[in-house]
Protein backbone atom coordinates (compact mmCIF):
# COMPACT_ATOMS: atom_id res chain seq x y z
CA MET A 1 5.61 -9.69 14.01
CA PRO A 2 7.69 -10.05 17.17
CA ASP A 3 6.37 -11.16 20.52
CA SER A 4 7.72 -10.21 23.91
CA THR A 5 7.14 -11.54 27.39
CA THR A 6 7.30 -7.98 28.63
CA GLY A 7 4.94 -6.70 25.96
CA ARG A 8 7.56 -4.19 24.83
CA ALA A 9 8.75 -4.14 21.23
CA ASN A 10 12.45 -3.54 20.74
CA GLU A 11 11.98 -0.31 18.82
CA MET A 12 10.28 1.21 21.83
CA ARG A 13 13.69 1.64 23.44
CA THR A 14 17.17 2.59 22.33
CA SER A 15 20.39 1.97 24.18
CA ASN A 16 19.81 5.09 26.29
CA ASP A 17 16.23 4.01 27.11
CA ALA A 18 14.67 6.69 24.89
CA VAL A 19 11.50 6.21 22.86
CA VAL A 20 12.10 6.33 19.10
CA HIS A 21 9.89 8.36 16.75
CA GLY A 22 9.84 9.41 13.11
CA GLY A 23 10.75 12.97 12.16
CA ASN A 24 14.23 12.62 13.71
CA LEU A 25 15.88 14.20 10.70
CA HIS A 26 18.85 15.66 12.58
CA GLU A 27 19.78 12.16 13.69
CA ALA A 28 19.64 10.97 10.07
CA ALA A 29 21.72 13.93 8.90
CA LYS A 30 24.38 13.19 11.47
CA ARG A 31 24.43 9.46 10.79
CA TYR A 32 24.67 9.70 7.00
CA GLY A 33 26.52 12.99 6.62
CA ILE A 34 23.77 14.62 4.53
CA PRO A 35 22.59 18.13 5.57
CA CYS A 36 18.96 18.34 6.74
CA ALA A 37 17.99 20.60 3.85
CA HIS A 38 18.95 17.90 1.34
CA TRP A 39 16.65 15.20 2.72
CA LEU A 40 13.24 14.02 1.58
CA ASP A 41 11.61 13.23 4.92
CA LEU A 42 8.93 10.53 4.66
CA SER A 43 9.45 9.26 8.21
CA THR A 44 6.15 10.46 9.70
CA GLY A 45 2.49 9.89 8.90
CA ILE A 46 1.70 13.61 9.05
CA ASN A 47 -0.28 15.10 6.17
CA PRO A 48 2.25 17.05 4.05
CA HIS A 49 -0.56 19.33 2.84
CA GLY A 50 -1.16 21.04 6.17
CA TYR A 51 -4.28 23.05 6.85
CA PRO A 52 -3.80 26.71 5.79
CA VAL A 53 -4.32 28.37 9.16
CA PRO A 54 -5.83 31.88 8.86
CA PRO A 55 -3.95 34.81 10.44
CA VAL A 56 -3.81 34.55 14.22
CA PRO A 57 -5.63 37.37 16.05
CA ALA A 58 -3.40 39.51 18.24
CA ASP A 59 -5.41 38.60 21.35
CA ALA A 60 -4.45 34.94 20.88
CA TRP A 61 -0.85 35.95 21.60
CA ARG A 62 -1.51 38.53 24.33
CA ARG A 63 -4.16 36.84 26.45
CA LEU A 64 -4.01 33.66 28.48
CA PRO A 65 -5.86 30.80 26.74
CA ASP A 66 -9.53 30.68 27.69
CA ASP A 67 -10.05 27.23 29.21
CA GLY A 68 -13.76 28.04 29.41
CA GLY A 69 -14.03 28.79 25.70
CA ASP A 70 -15.72 26.81 22.98
CA LEU A 71 -12.82 24.61 21.83
CA ALA A 72 -14.25 21.50 23.53
CA ALA A 73 -17.66 22.14 21.93
CA CYS A 74 -16.05 22.54 18.50
CA ALA A 75 -14.18 19.28 18.98
CA ALA A 76 -17.33 17.48 20.15
CA ARG A 77 -19.12 18.53 16.96
CA TYR A 78 -16.23 17.59 14.70
CA TYR A 79 -15.49 14.21 16.31
CA GLY A 80 -19.10 13.31 17.07
CA ALA A 81 -18.71 13.09 20.86
CA PRO A 82 -21.89 13.28 23.00
CA ASP A 83 -21.20 16.89 24.05
CA ALA A 84 -18.47 19.25 25.28
CA ALA A 85 -18.52 17.70 28.77
CA HIS A 86 -17.08 14.54 27.21
CA VAL A 87 -14.11 16.33 25.60
CA LEU A 88 -10.93 17.64 27.22
CA PRO A 89 -8.46 19.67 25.10
CA VAL A 90 -4.85 18.84 25.96
CA ALA A 91 -1.37 19.83 24.78
CA GLY A 92 -1.21 17.04 22.23
CA SER A 93 -2.40 13.51 22.91
CA GLN A 94 1.13 12.82 24.16
CA ALA A 95 0.31 14.71 27.35
CA ALA A 96 -2.68 12.43 27.96
CA ILE A 97 -0.68 9.28 27.19
CA ARG A 98 1.77 10.27 29.91
CA ALA A 99 -0.85 11.20 32.50
CA LEU A 100 -3.74 8.75 32.03
CA PRO A 101 -2.04 5.54 33.26
CA ALA A 102 -1.60 7.04 36.73
CA LEU A 103 -5.36 7.65 36.93
CA LEU A 104 -6.31 4.03 36.24
CA PRO A 105 -6.18 1.20 38.82
CA ARG A 106 -2.81 -0.55 38.58
CA ALA A 107 -3.33 -3.81 36.75
CA ARG A 108 -2.34 -5.81 33.67
CA VAL A 109 -2.72 -3.85 30.43
CA GLY A 110 -2.66 -5.33 26.95
CA ILE A 111 -0.74 -3.42 24.27
CA ALA A 112 0.15 -4.72 20.81
CA PRO A 113 3.88 -5.46 20.49
CA LEU A 114 4.17 -3.27 17.40
CA THR A 115 2.22 -0.05 17.90
CA TYR A 116 2.77 3.57 18.95
CA SER A 117 5.83 3.32 21.15
CA GLU A 118 4.88 5.71 23.97
CA TYR A 119 2.16 3.57 25.53
CA ALA A 120 4.11 0.70 27.10
CA PRO A 121 6.66 2.92 28.88
CA ALA A 122 3.92 5.25 30.15
CA PHE A 123 1.92 2.40 31.69
CA GLU A 124 5.05 0.79 33.12
CA ARG A 125 6.12 4.04 34.78
CA ALA A 126 2.69 4.20 36.45
CA GLY A 127 3.14 0.71 37.91
CA HIS A 128 1.07 -1.35 35.49
CA GLU A 129 2.16 -4.69 34.09
CA VAL A 130 2.29 -4.56 30.28
CA ALA A 131 1.42 -7.70 28.31
CA PRO A 132 1.34 -8.30 24.56
CA LEU A 133 -2.12 -7.89 23.04
CA ASP A 134 -3.16 -10.10 20.15
CA VAL A 135 -5.59 -7.91 18.20
CA ASN A 136 -6.80 -10.92 16.19
CA ARG A 137 -8.55 -12.38 19.22
CA GLU A 138 -12.33 -12.19 19.41
CA SER A 139 -12.32 -11.97 23.21
CA LEU A 140 -9.69 -10.59 25.53
CA PRO A 141 -7.76 -12.81 27.96
CA ASP A 142 -9.23 -12.89 31.47
CA SER A 143 -5.84 -11.72 32.78
CA LEU A 144 -6.20 -8.26 31.24
CA THR A 145 -7.87 -5.41 33.10
CA HIS A 146 -7.04 -2.63 30.66
CA ALA A 147 -6.23 -2.54 26.94
CA VAL A 148 -4.77 0.04 24.58
CA VAL A 149 -5.66 -0.08 20.88
CA VAL A 150 -4.37 2.32 18.22
CA ASN A 151 -7.06 2.22 15.52
CA PRO A 152 -6.02 2.19 12.75
CA ASN A 153 -2.75 0.99 14.13
CA ASN A 154 0.51 2.85 13.72
CA PRO A 155 2.45 1.43 11.87
CA THR A 156 0.73 -1.80 10.75
CA ALA A 157 -2.54 -0.07 9.70
CA THR A 158 -4.55 -2.86 11.32
CA HIS A 159 -8.12 -1.67 11.73
CA LEU A 160 -10.57 -3.15 14.23
CA SER A 161 -14.31 -2.74 13.86
CA ALA A 162 -16.31 -0.64 16.27
CA GLU A 163 -18.36 -3.72 17.16
CA LYS A 164 -15.27 -5.66 18.21
CA LEU A 165 -13.85 -2.79 20.24
CA LEU A 166 -17.14 -2.18 22.04
CA GLN A 167 -17.30 -5.88 22.88
CA TRP A 168 -13.79 -5.64 24.32
CA HIS A 169 -14.88 -2.59 26.30
CA THR A 170 -17.80 -4.56 27.75
CA GLU A 171 -15.45 -7.37 28.79
CA LEU A 172 -12.97 -5.00 30.43
CA ARG A 173 -15.63 -2.93 32.14
CA ALA A 174 -17.00 -6.07 33.79
CA ARG A 175 -13.55 -6.40 35.43
CA GLY A 176 -13.44 -2.75 36.45
CA GLY A 177 -11.08 -1.97 33.60
CA THR A 178 -10.68 0.50 30.78
CA LEU A 179 -10.32 0.42 27.01
CA LEU A 180 -8.20 3.24 25.60
CA VAL A 181 -8.52 3.74 21.83
CA ASP A 182 -6.07 6.05 20.05
CA GLU A 183 -7.68 7.37 16.85
CA ALA A 184 -4.85 9.65 15.74
CA PHE A 185 -5.16 8.37 12.15
CA ALA A 186 -8.95 8.03 12.06
CA ASP A 187 -9.89 11.40 10.53
CA ALA A 188 -9.72 10.01 7.01
CA MET A 189 -12.31 7.36 7.99
CA PRO A 190 -14.57 9.17 10.50
CA SER A 191 -17.36 6.60 10.39
CA ALA A 192 -15.08 4.11 12.15
CA SER A 193 -14.65 6.28 15.26
CA LEU A 194 -15.87 5.37 18.76
CA ALA A 195 -16.25 9.04 19.67
CA ALA A 196 -20.04 8.79 19.87
CA SER A 197 -19.72 6.00 22.46
CA THR A 198 -17.56 7.90 24.93
CA HIS A 199 -20.48 8.41 27.30
CA ARG A 200 -19.63 4.89 28.48
CA ASP A 201 -17.56 4.62 31.65
CA GLY A 202 -14.25 2.90 31.01
CA LEU A 203 -13.96 3.98 27.39
CA ILE A 204 -11.37 6.62 26.48
CA VAL A 205 -10.73 7.88 22.95
CA LEU A 206 -7.74 10.03 22.03
CA ARG A 207 -7.87 12.28 18.97
CA SER A 208 -5.30 14.55 17.39
CA PRO A 209 -5.46 17.24 14.67
CA GLY A 210 -1.76 16.71 14.04
CA LYS A 211 -1.95 13.93 11.46
CA PHE A 212 -4.90 14.58 9.11
CA PHE A 213 -4.76 18.38 9.37
CA GLY A 214 -0.96 18.45 9.29
CA LEU A 215 -0.90 20.55 12.47
CA ALA A 216 1.47 18.50 14.59
CA GLY A 217 3.39 21.63 15.52
CA VAL A 218 0.50 23.24 17.38
CA ARG A 219 0.65 20.45 20.00
CA ALA A 220 -3.08 20.10 20.53
CA GLY A 221 -5.09 16.98 21.18
CA PHE A 222 -8.35 15.81 22.71
CA VAL A 223 -9.34 13.21 25.26
CA LEU A 224 -12.91 11.93 24.88
CA GLY A 225 -14.45 10.09 27.79
CA ALA A 226 -16.63 10.21 30.89
CA PRO A 227 -16.73 13.70 32.51
CA ALA A 228 -15.54 12.39 35.90
CA LEU A 229 -12.35 10.96 34.40
CA LEU A 230 -11.77 14.10 32.31
CA ASP A 231 -12.11 16.27 35.43
CA GLU A 232 -9.48 14.16 37.16
CA LEU A 233 -7.17 14.38 34.15
CA ASN A 234 -7.73 18.12 33.93
CA GLN A 235 -6.65 18.49 37.54
CA ALA A 236 -3.50 16.47 36.83
CA LEU A 237 -2.55 18.50 33.75
CA GLY A 238 -3.36 21.95 35.11
CA ALA A 239 -4.52 25.14 33.45
CA TRP A 240 -3.77 26.56 29.98
CA THR A 241 -2.66 23.31 28.37
CA VAL A 242 -3.57 24.46 24.84
CA SER A 243 -2.18 27.82 23.68
CA GLY A 244 -4.29 30.61 22.21
CA PRO A 245 -2.76 30.33 18.70
CA ALA A 246 -3.24 26.55 18.75
CA ARG A 247 -6.91 26.98 19.70
CA HIS A 248 -7.37 29.41 16.82
CA ALA A 249 -5.76 27.04 14.31
CA VAL A 250 -7.67 23.95 15.42
CA LYS A 251 -11.08 25.66 15.55
CA ALA A 252 -10.59 26.97 12.02
CA ALA A 253 -9.62 23.51 10.78
CA PHE A 254 -12.58 21.81 12.46
CA ALA A 255 -15.01 24.28 10.90
CA ASP A 256 -13.72 23.92 7.33
CA ASP A 257 -15.89 21.13 5.92
CA ALA A 258 -14.92 21.85 2.31
CA TRP A 259 -11.21 21.49 3.06
CA GLN A 260 -11.84 18.24 4.93
CA ARG A 261 -13.78 16.70 2.04
CA HIS A 262 -11.17 17.77 -0.49
CA MET A 263 -8.34 16.45 1.67
CA ARG A 264 -9.92 13.04 2.24
CA ALA A 265 -10.19 12.60 -1.53
CA LEU A 266 -6.65 13.87 -2.14
CA LEU A 267 -5.09 11.65 0.52
CA ALA A 268 -6.92 8.60 -0.82
CA ALA A 269 -5.49 9.27 -4.28
CA GLU A 270 -1.98 9.97 -3.02
CA SER A 271 -1.85 6.93 -0.75
CA ALA A 272 -2.92 4.79 -3.72
CA ARG A 273 -0.08 6.35 -5.72
CA LEU A 274 2.40 5.54 -2.96
CA VAL A 275 1.23 1.94 -2.80
CA LYS A 276 1.48 1.63 -6.59
CA LEU A 277 5.12 2.79 -6.54
CA LEU A 278 6.03 0.31 -3.82
CA HIS A 279 4.14 -2.54 -5.48
CA ALA A 280 5.95 -1.83 -8.76
CA GLN A 281 9.19 -2.62 -6.92
CA GLY A 282 7.82 -5.84 -5.46
CA PHE A 283 6.88 -4.61 -1.97
CA SER A 284 3.49 -5.64 -0.58
CA THR A 285 2.03 -3.03 1.76
CA ARG A 286 -0.68 -2.16 4.22
CA GLY A 287 -1.59 1.38 5.06
CA THR A 288 -3.92 4.26 5.79
CA PRO A 289 -4.53 7.34 3.63
CA LEU A 290 -1.51 8.91 5.40
CA PHE A 291 1.15 6.20 5.18
CA ALA A 292 2.13 2.83 3.75
CA TRP A 293 3.87 0.06 5.70
CA THR A 294 5.74 -3.04 4.63
CA ASP A 295 7.28 -5.92 6.54
CA GLU A 296 8.80 -7.56 3.46
CA PRO A 297 12.15 -9.31 4.16
CA ARG A 298 13.92 -6.58 2.14
CA ALA A 299 12.31 -3.71 4.03
CA ALA A 300 15.20 -2.89 6.37
CA PHE A 301 17.66 -3.03 3.46
CA LEU A 302 15.41 -0.64 1.54
CA HIS A 303 15.34 1.79 4.46
CA GLU A 304 19.14 1.81 4.54
CA ALA A 305 19.52 2.16 0.77
CA LEU A 306 17.05 5.06 0.68
CA ALA A 307 18.76 6.77 3.61
CA ARG A 308 22.13 6.66 1.87
CA ARG A 309 20.43 8.58 -0.94
CA GLY A 310 18.80 11.19 1.29
CA VAL A 311 15.30 9.73 1.67
CA TRP A 312 14.32 9.17 5.29
CA THR A 313 11.72 6.54 6.21
CA ARG A 314 10.69 5.06 9.56
CA LEU A 315 12.40 1.77 10.41
CA PHE A 316 10.90 -0.42 13.16
CA THR A 317 13.90 -2.38 14.29
CA SER A 318 12.15 -5.18 16.19
CA SER A 319 10.28 -6.31 13.09
CA GLY A 320 12.52 -4.99 10.32
CA SER A 321 9.48 -3.23 8.89
CA VAL A 322 9.31 0.25 7.34
CA ARG A 323 6.69 3.00 7.17
CA PHE A 324 6.52 5.52 4.33
CA GLY A 325 4.79 8.89 4.56
CA LEU A 326 3.49 10.90 1.62
CA PRO A 327 5.65 13.24 -0.52
CA ALA A 328 4.50 16.85 -0.42
CA SER A 329 4.90 17.93 -4.07
CA GLU A 330 5.25 16.59 -7.59
CA ALA A 331 9.00 17.19 -7.39
CA GLU A 332 9.15 15.08 -4.23
CA TRP A 333 7.09 12.32 -5.86
CA THR A 334 9.52 12.26 -8.79
CA ARG A 335 12.51 12.16 -6.47
CA PHE A 336 11.03 9.34 -4.41
CA ASP A 337 10.16 7.30 -7.51
CA GLU A 338 13.67 7.66 -8.94
CA THR A 339 15.41 7.06 -5.62
CA LEU A 340 13.21 4.04 -4.87
CA ARG A 341 14.23 2.47 -8.17
CA GLU A 342 17.91 3.15 -7.49
CA ALA A 343 17.65 1.74 -3.97
CA VAL A 344 15.95 -1.45 -5.13
CA GLN A 345 18.59 -1.92 -7.84
CA ALA A 346 21.30 -1.51 -5.21
CA ILE A 347 19.65 -4.10 -2.98
CA SER A 348 19.36 -6.54 -5.89
CA ALA A 349 22.99 -6.03 -6.88
CA ARG A 350 24.07 -6.70 -3.31
CA ALA A 351 22.01 -9.88 -3.20
CA ASP A 352 23.60 -11.09 -6.43
């Protein structure tokens, strides 16, 4: 895994200083000359079996969103936060990632070199110094005031225990700092969440219904933390950050315990199937129930070979590693299996 004196992995920036993400299918279509409709897009870690949102009431479209409604309380129950006062609904966790750094004292912040690529630029824009964070350490360096941890990490799937993270929080809080934990992929393993500990000053947890519930398009997210910080963030973001239809969709998803239990079992089975296919072609992996990741030496070649055959995966250029999302149907599973075999054969032939 690459290191960087600036704490910024290469894939966080392109030549025009943009942040790179998965789901950029139009870019793939243009680069490889394959129409968007002909691609199998496995470039995100979003659940392909999205929550079946019930019909949206007409009032959700006609009325302004009710910021005083019960969405925060619903989220507090679902995530296990202390209460609604410790939850702020936002227009996707991306909005919070952009705004939170400006609310924290400018200092040195530790961020893993290979993690969600929006964090380092956001903290740098707010005047912080970004340094590489070694998540294998037991204690944090004295030079760090803040730290950002994506848990489980995107894309490496590294998972840190709650005990370790709370110890890090204690260390940072003694310096007047903050630990920010992004749990976007934690819904499939809810017992690992720090949501119940967000009564502690200096601990912020971000959650998103976009990944597990497959509702990325509603652009809703939640910031869990001390009420004073959430009030400040709310003032920075302004009113009506989450639309009425989004509130309706998310509340329905949070209340559907049966769907959640079924989906956790289904995703566990499908992620095991994905890993089995990759292992059969000689690729070791790490992953979550929503994606698999490999940093094998052949990974970048596999990404290219799959792309030439209309299968889009997420390449992390600084490490040459690749993330694979889940196919959505049996037909897609069959296509991925066949294309994976063809791609690996092409790589082997090239090596010979």
